[in-house]
Amino acid sequence: MKKLCSFTLMLFLLTSCGGRVPSPQRAQHIIQRYFHKYGKRYKDSDFGKHRVSKVEISSITELQKNHADIEAFTILDGEGGVYKIRAIVAKKTFGWKFVSWESLANK
């Protein structure tokens, strides 16, 4: 009984510490989906003229509990170029939600 209780407690502690930041694959999907919608809304922007073909995540850091900061390179199709962006995402009930973004550099 004592082993079962300690095993359950250890399992709970390990699972409660996990998932505080999104995985790189999930962060890539969040950014790509957001800029696809952004391009539909703002057709005169670079994201509206050129689709995001690839997202490369450079870093993911935790700002506070349930909030993460993602730095990524967004590569656009054609002559769109490359944007280095910083995005802030928040963990909600049904997954991660895009909160805000800023452009750090444009190549």
Protein backbone atom coordinates (compact mmCIF):
# COMPACT_ATOMS: atom_id res chain seq x y z
CA MET A 1 0.00 0.00 0.00
CA LYS A 2 2.81 2.39 0.87
CA LYS A 3 4.51 1.73 -2.48
CA LEU A 4 1.30 2.35 -4.37
CA CYS A 5 0.73 5.65 -2.56
CA SER A 6 4.29 6.85 -3.15
CA PHE A 7 4.13 5.77 -6.81
CA THR A 8 0.86 7.66 -7.32
CA LEU A 9 2.28 10.77 -5.66
CA MET A 10 5.44 10.62 -7.79
CA LEU A 11 3.40 10.15 -10.96
CA PHE A 12 1.22 13.13 -10.05
CA LEU A 13 4.25 15.35 -9.43
CA LEU A 14 5.88 14.37 -12.71
CA THR A 15 2.76 14.99 -14.77
CA SER A 16 1.92 18.28 -13.07
CA CYS A 17 5.32 19.75 -13.96
CA GLY A 18 5.09 18.79 -17.63
CA GLY A 19 3.43 20.80 -20.36
CA ARG A 20 4.23 24.27 -19.07
CA VAL A 21 5.44 25.37 -22.53
CA PRO A 22 4.26 24.12 -25.93
CA SER A 23 6.38 21.63 -27.83
CA PRO A 24 8.30 22.98 -30.86
CA GLN A 25 5.94 21.16 -33.23
CA ARG A 26 2.88 22.63 -31.49
CA ALA A 27 4.42 26.12 -31.45
CA GLN A 28 5.14 25.83 -35.18
CA HIS A 29 1.54 24.82 -35.85
CA ILE A 30 0.15 27.67 -33.71
CA ILE A 31 2.22 30.31 -35.52
CA GLN A 32 1.54 28.95 -39.00
CA ARG A 33 -2.21 28.75 -38.37
CA TYR A 34 -2.31 32.30 -36.91
CA PHE A 35 -0.50 33.90 -39.84
CA HIS A 36 -2.67 32.01 -42.31
CA LYS A 37 -5.72 33.66 -40.70
CA TYR A 38 -3.86 36.99 -40.45
CA GLY A 39 -3.14 36.89 -44.19
CA LYS A 40 -6.81 36.34 -44.99
CA ARG A 41 -7.80 39.33 -42.85
CA TYR A 42 -5.07 41.74 -44.02
CA LYS A 43 -4.62 41.04 -47.71
CA ASP A 44 -2.27 44.01 -48.31
CA SER A 45 0.28 42.80 -45.77
CA ASP A 46 3.21 40.52 -46.64
CA PHE A 47 1.40 37.66 -44.94
CA GLY A 48 -1.62 38.29 -47.17
CA LYS A 49 0.41 38.45 -50.38
CA HIS A 50 2.68 35.48 -49.58
CA ARG A 51 1.76 32.37 -47.59
CA VAL A 52 3.91 31.21 -44.71
CA SER A 53 5.73 28.19 -46.12
CA LYS A 54 7.83 27.29 -43.09
CA VAL A 55 8.24 28.24 -39.44
CA GLU A 56 11.53 27.62 -37.64
CA ILE A 57 11.40 27.88 -33.86
CA SER A 58 14.54 29.39 -32.33
CA SER A 59 13.49 29.44 -28.66
CA ILE A 60 10.56 28.80 -26.34
CA THR A 61 10.64 30.27 -22.84
CA GLU A 62 8.12 30.36 -20.05
CA LEU A 63 7.09 33.87 -19.01
CA GLN A 64 4.88 32.76 -16.14
CA LYS A 65 2.57 29.86 -15.49
CA ASN A 66 0.45 29.15 -18.59
CA HIS A 67 2.20 31.84 -20.71
CA ALA A 68 5.08 31.20 -23.09
CA ASP A 69 7.28 33.37 -25.31
CA ILE A 70 8.19 31.92 -28.71
CA GLU A 71 10.87 33.35 -31.00
CA ALA A 72 10.64 32.03 -34.53
CA PHE A 73 11.55 32.67 -38.14
CA THR A 74 8.60 32.72 -40.54
CA ILE A 75 9.62 32.00 -44.12
CA LEU A 76 7.22 33.26 -46.77
CA ASP A 77 6.65 31.86 -50.26
CA GLY A 78 8.17 33.56 -53.27
CA GLU A 79 9.71 36.99 -52.71
CA GLY A 80 8.04 37.41 -49.31
CA GLY A 81 11.25 37.06 -47.36
CA VAL A 82 11.84 36.02 -43.77
CA TYR A 83 10.41 37.55 -40.61
CA LYS A 84 11.84 37.00 -37.15
CA ILE A 85 8.92 37.25 -34.76
CA ARG A 86 8.23 36.99 -31.05
CA ALA A 87 4.87 35.51 -30.15
CA ILE A 88 3.20 35.17 -26.77
CA VAL A 89 0.84 32.26 -26.30
CA ALA A 90 -1.36 31.36 -23.34
CA LYS A 91 -2.52 27.93 -22.27
CA LYS A 92 -6.29 27.79 -22.10
CA THR A 93 -8.70 24.96 -21.33
CA PHE A 94 -8.61 23.40 -24.80
CA GLY A 95 -5.00 24.13 -25.78
CA TRP A 96 -2.70 27.04 -26.54
CA LYS A 97 -4.09 30.41 -27.71
CA PHE A 98 -2.14 33.05 -29.63
CA VAL A 99 -2.13 36.28 -27.57
CA SER A 100 0.17 38.74 -29.34
CA TRP A 101 3.16 39.02 -31.66
CA GLU A 102 5.80 41.52 -32.73
CA SER A 103 8.20 41.62 -35.65
CA LEU A 104 11.83 41.63 -34.51
CA ALA A 105 13.47 41.70 -37.96
CA ASN A 106 12.57 41.50 -41.63
CA LYS A 107 14.93 40.12 -44.27
